[in-house]
């Protein structure tokens, strides 16, 4: 697993906004790109996770789920 650089190119690949756990609080705070930027400040209701399907997961060999809860990949 590698650290995900916080770049505009990587941000364009981010699919956090389509995740079933990405809620209104996260939308209101414009939170996302959790694997690079860190965990959400919102209370998390786990309603499913798309991290494994994200292009960044294969690009950076990410093997965890719910980066919105655990924070940035290291």
N, C-alpha and C. Protein backbone atom coordinates (compact mmCIF):
# COMPACT_ATOMS: atom_id res chain seq x y z
N UNK A 1 0.85 -1.17 0.00
CA UNK A 1 0.00 0.00 0.00
C UNK A 1 0.90 1.23 0.00
N UNK A 2 0.54 2.20 -0.81
CA UNK A 2 1.33 3.42 -0.92
C UNK A 2 0.48 4.63 -0.54
N UNK A 3 1.16 5.68 -0.13
CA UNK A 3 0.49 6.94 0.16
C UNK A 3 -0.08 7.50 -1.14
N UNK A 4 -1.30 8.00 -1.09
CA UNK A 4 -1.96 8.55 -2.27
C UNK A 4 -1.68 10.05 -2.32
N UNK A 5 -0.97 10.52 -3.35
CA UNK A 5 -0.69 11.94 -3.45
C UNK A 5 -1.97 12.76 -3.66
N UNK A 6 -2.06 13.86 -2.96
CA UNK A 6 -3.21 14.78 -3.06
C UNK A 6 -2.99 15.68 -4.25
N UNK A 7 -3.33 15.16 -5.42
CA UNK A 7 -3.15 15.90 -6.67
C UNK A 7 -4.49 16.07 -7.38
N UNK A 8 -4.62 17.07 -8.23
CA UNK A 8 -5.86 17.23 -9.00
C UNK A 8 -6.17 16.00 -9.87
N UNK A 9 -5.13 15.37 -10.41
CA UNK A 9 -5.33 14.18 -11.25
C UNK A 9 -5.94 13.04 -10.43
N UNK A 10 -5.43 12.83 -9.24
CA UNK A 10 -5.97 11.78 -8.38
C UNK A 10 -7.37 12.12 -7.89
N UNK A 11 -7.59 13.38 -7.59
CA UNK A 11 -8.90 13.80 -7.10
C UNK A 11 -9.98 13.52 -8.16
N UNK A 12 -9.63 13.67 -9.43
CA UNK A 12 -10.59 13.40 -10.52
C UNK A 12 -10.98 11.93 -10.57
N UNK A 13 -10.11 11.04 -10.09
CA UNK A 13 -10.39 9.61 -10.08
C UNK A 13 -11.23 9.19 -8.88
N UNK A 14 -11.34 10.05 -7.90
CA UNK A 14 -12.03 9.74 -6.64
C UNK A 14 -13.50 9.44 -6.87
N UNK A 15 -14.00 8.36 -6.22
CA UNK A 15 -15.40 7.98 -6.34
C UNK A 15 -16.14 8.08 -5.00
N UNK A 16 -15.55 8.74 -4.02
CA UNK A 16 -16.18 8.85 -2.69
C UNK A 16 -17.59 9.42 -2.76
N UNK A 17 -17.83 10.38 -3.62
CA UNK A 17 -19.14 11.02 -3.70
C UNK A 17 -20.26 10.08 -4.08
N UNK A 18 -19.94 8.95 -4.72
CA UNK A 18 -20.94 7.98 -5.11
C UNK A 18 -21.11 6.84 -4.12
N UNK A 19 -20.37 6.89 -3.04
CA UNK A 19 -20.39 5.81 -2.05
C UNK A 19 -21.68 5.86 -1.23
N UNK A 20 -22.28 4.70 -0.91
CA UNK A 20 -23.49 4.69 -0.09
C UNK A 20 -23.29 5.26 1.31
N UNK A 21 -22.06 5.29 1.80
CA UNK A 21 -21.79 5.84 3.13
C UNK A 21 -21.50 7.35 3.10
N UNK A 22 -21.32 7.91 1.91
CA UNK A 22 -21.06 9.35 1.77
C UNK A 22 -22.39 10.07 1.96
N UNK A 23 -22.55 10.67 3.13
CA UNK A 23 -23.85 11.22 3.51
C UNK A 23 -23.95 12.73 3.32
N UNK A 24 -25.08 13.28 3.72
CA UNK A 24 -25.32 14.71 3.54
C UNK A 24 -24.31 15.56 4.31
N UNK A 25 -23.94 15.14 5.51
CA UNK A 25 -22.94 15.87 6.29
C UNK A 25 -21.64 16.00 5.50
N UNK A 26 -21.18 14.91 4.91
CA UNK A 26 -19.94 14.93 4.12
C UNK A 26 -20.10 15.82 2.90
N UNK A 27 -21.27 15.76 2.29
CA UNK A 27 -21.53 16.62 1.13
C UNK A 27 -21.53 18.09 1.54
N UNK A 28 -22.20 18.40 2.64
CA UNK A 28 -22.27 19.79 3.12
C UNK A 28 -20.88 20.34 3.44
N UNK A 29 -20.00 19.49 3.97
CA UNK A 29 -18.65 19.91 4.33
C UNK A 29 -17.66 19.73 3.18
N UNK A 30 -18.19 19.29 2.01
CA UNK A 30 -17.38 19.06 0.82
C UNK A 30 -16.21 18.12 1.12
N UNK A 31 -16.51 17.05 1.86
CA UNK A 31 -15.49 16.06 2.20
C UNK A 31 -15.49 14.92 1.18
N UNK A 32 -14.33 14.39 0.95
CA UNK A 32 -14.14 13.26 0.05
C UNK A 32 -12.65 13.05 -0.12
N UNK A 33 -12.29 12.17 -1.07
CA UNK A 33 -10.88 11.89 -1.36
C UNK A 33 -10.16 11.48 -0.07
N UNK A 34 -10.87 10.66 0.72
CA UNK A 34 -10.42 10.31 2.06
C UNK A 34 -9.10 9.55 2.09
N UNK A 35 -8.81 8.75 1.06
CA UNK A 35 -7.56 7.98 1.06
C UNK A 35 -6.34 8.89 0.99
N UNK A 36 -6.51 10.12 0.53
CA UNK A 36 -5.42 11.09 0.48
C UNK A 36 -5.54 12.17 1.55
N UNK A 37 -6.78 12.62 1.82
CA UNK A 37 -6.98 13.77 2.70
C UNK A 37 -7.24 13.40 4.16
N UNK A 38 -7.62 12.16 4.44
CA UNK A 38 -7.88 11.75 5.81
C UNK A 38 -9.35 11.53 6.08
N UNK A 39 -9.63 11.12 7.31
CA UNK A 39 -10.99 10.70 7.67
C UNK A 39 -11.96 11.86 7.74
N UNK A 40 -13.23 11.50 7.71
CA UNK A 40 -14.31 12.47 7.77
C UNK A 40 -14.47 13.02 9.19
N UNK A 41 -14.95 14.24 9.27
CA UNK A 41 -15.28 14.83 10.57
C UNK A 41 -16.73 14.54 10.95
N UNK A 42 -17.45 13.89 10.05
CA UNK A 42 -18.86 13.55 10.28
C UNK A 42 -18.98 12.21 10.99
N UNK A 43 -20.11 12.01 11.67
CA UNK A 43 -20.41 10.69 12.23
C UNK A 43 -20.70 9.76 11.06
N UNK A 44 -20.07 8.60 11.06
CA UNK A 44 -20.17 7.68 9.93
C UNK A 44 -21.21 6.60 10.19
N UNK A 45 -22.11 6.47 9.26
CA UNK A 45 -23.04 5.33 9.23
C UNK A 45 -22.57 4.46 8.07
N UNK A 46 -22.11 3.27 8.39
CA UNK A 46 -21.59 2.37 7.35
C UNK A 46 -22.75 1.76 6.57
N UNK A 47 -22.92 2.25 5.35
CA UNK A 47 -23.98 1.79 4.46
C UNK A 47 -23.43 1.10 3.23
N UNK A 48 -22.17 0.72 3.27
CA UNK A 48 -21.50 0.11 2.13
C UNK A 48 -20.27 0.92 1.78
N UNK A 49 -19.33 0.30 1.10
CA UNK A 49 -18.05 0.94 0.79
C UNK A 49 -17.65 0.63 -0.64
N UNK A 50 -17.21 1.65 -1.35
CA UNK A 50 -16.76 1.49 -2.74
C UNK A 50 -15.25 1.55 -2.89
N UNK A 51 -14.53 1.64 -1.80
CA UNK A 51 -13.07 1.81 -1.89
C UNK A 51 -12.41 0.76 -2.79
N UNK A 52 -12.84 -0.48 -2.69
CA UNK A 52 -12.23 -1.54 -3.49
C UNK A 52 -12.44 -1.36 -4.99
N UNK A 53 -13.47 -0.63 -5.39
CA UNK A 53 -13.76 -0.40 -6.80
C UNK A 53 -13.14 0.88 -7.34
N UNK A 54 -12.52 1.65 -6.47
CA UNK A 54 -11.94 2.94 -6.88
C UNK A 54 -10.67 2.73 -7.70
N UNK A 55 -10.49 3.49 -8.77
CA UNK A 55 -9.26 3.38 -9.56
C UNK A 55 -8.00 3.64 -8.73
N UNK A 56 -8.12 4.48 -7.71
CA UNK A 56 -6.96 4.76 -6.87
C UNK A 56 -6.54 3.54 -6.06
N UNK A 57 -7.48 2.67 -5.75
CA UNK A 57 -7.16 1.45 -5.00
C UNK A 57 -6.18 0.58 -5.78
N UNK A 58 -6.41 0.43 -7.07
CA UNK A 58 -5.48 -0.37 -7.88
C UNK A 58 -4.21 0.42 -8.20
N UNK A 59 -4.33 1.71 -8.45
CA UNK A 59 -3.15 2.52 -8.75
C UNK A 59 -2.13 2.52 -7.61
N UNK A 60 -2.63 2.52 -6.37
CA UNK A 60 -1.76 2.64 -5.19
C UNK A 60 -1.80 1.41 -4.29
N UNK A 61 -2.36 0.31 -4.80
CA UNK A 61 -2.44 -0.96 -4.09
C UNK A 61 -3.04 -0.80 -2.69
N UNK A 62 -4.15 -0.07 -2.63
CA UNK A 62 -4.84 0.12 -1.36
C UNK A 62 -5.61 -1.15 -1.03
N UNK A 63 -5.50 -1.59 0.21
CA UNK A 63 -6.13 -2.86 0.58
C UNK A 63 -7.10 -2.74 1.75
N UNK A 64 -7.43 -1.53 2.12
CA UNK A 64 -8.36 -1.32 3.23
C UNK A 64 -9.67 -0.76 2.68
N UNK A 65 -10.64 -0.63 3.56
CA UNK A 65 -11.94 -0.07 3.22
C UNK A 65 -12.24 1.06 4.21
N UNK A 66 -13.23 1.85 3.91
CA UNK A 66 -13.69 2.93 4.79
C UNK A 66 -12.57 3.89 5.19
N UNK A 67 -11.87 4.45 4.19
CA UNK A 67 -10.87 5.48 4.48
C UNK A 67 -11.53 6.71 5.11
N UNK A 68 -12.83 6.87 4.88
CA UNK A 68 -13.57 7.97 5.52
C UNK A 68 -13.58 7.80 7.05
N UNK A 69 -13.39 6.58 7.51
CA UNK A 69 -13.34 6.30 8.95
C UNK A 69 -11.92 6.15 9.48
N UNK A 70 -11.05 5.47 8.73
CA UNK A 70 -9.71 5.17 9.25
C UNK A 70 -8.67 6.22 8.89
N UNK A 71 -8.94 7.05 7.90
CA UNK A 71 -8.01 8.10 7.52
C UNK A 71 -7.20 7.74 6.28
N UNK A 72 -6.27 8.59 5.96
CA UNK A 72 -5.49 8.48 4.72
C UNK A 72 -4.65 7.21 4.68
N UNK A 73 -4.45 6.71 3.48
CA UNK A 73 -3.57 5.56 3.28
C UNK A 73 -2.14 6.00 3.54
N UNK A 74 -1.41 5.15 4.19
CA UNK A 74 0.01 5.46 4.50
C UNK A 74 0.93 4.48 3.84
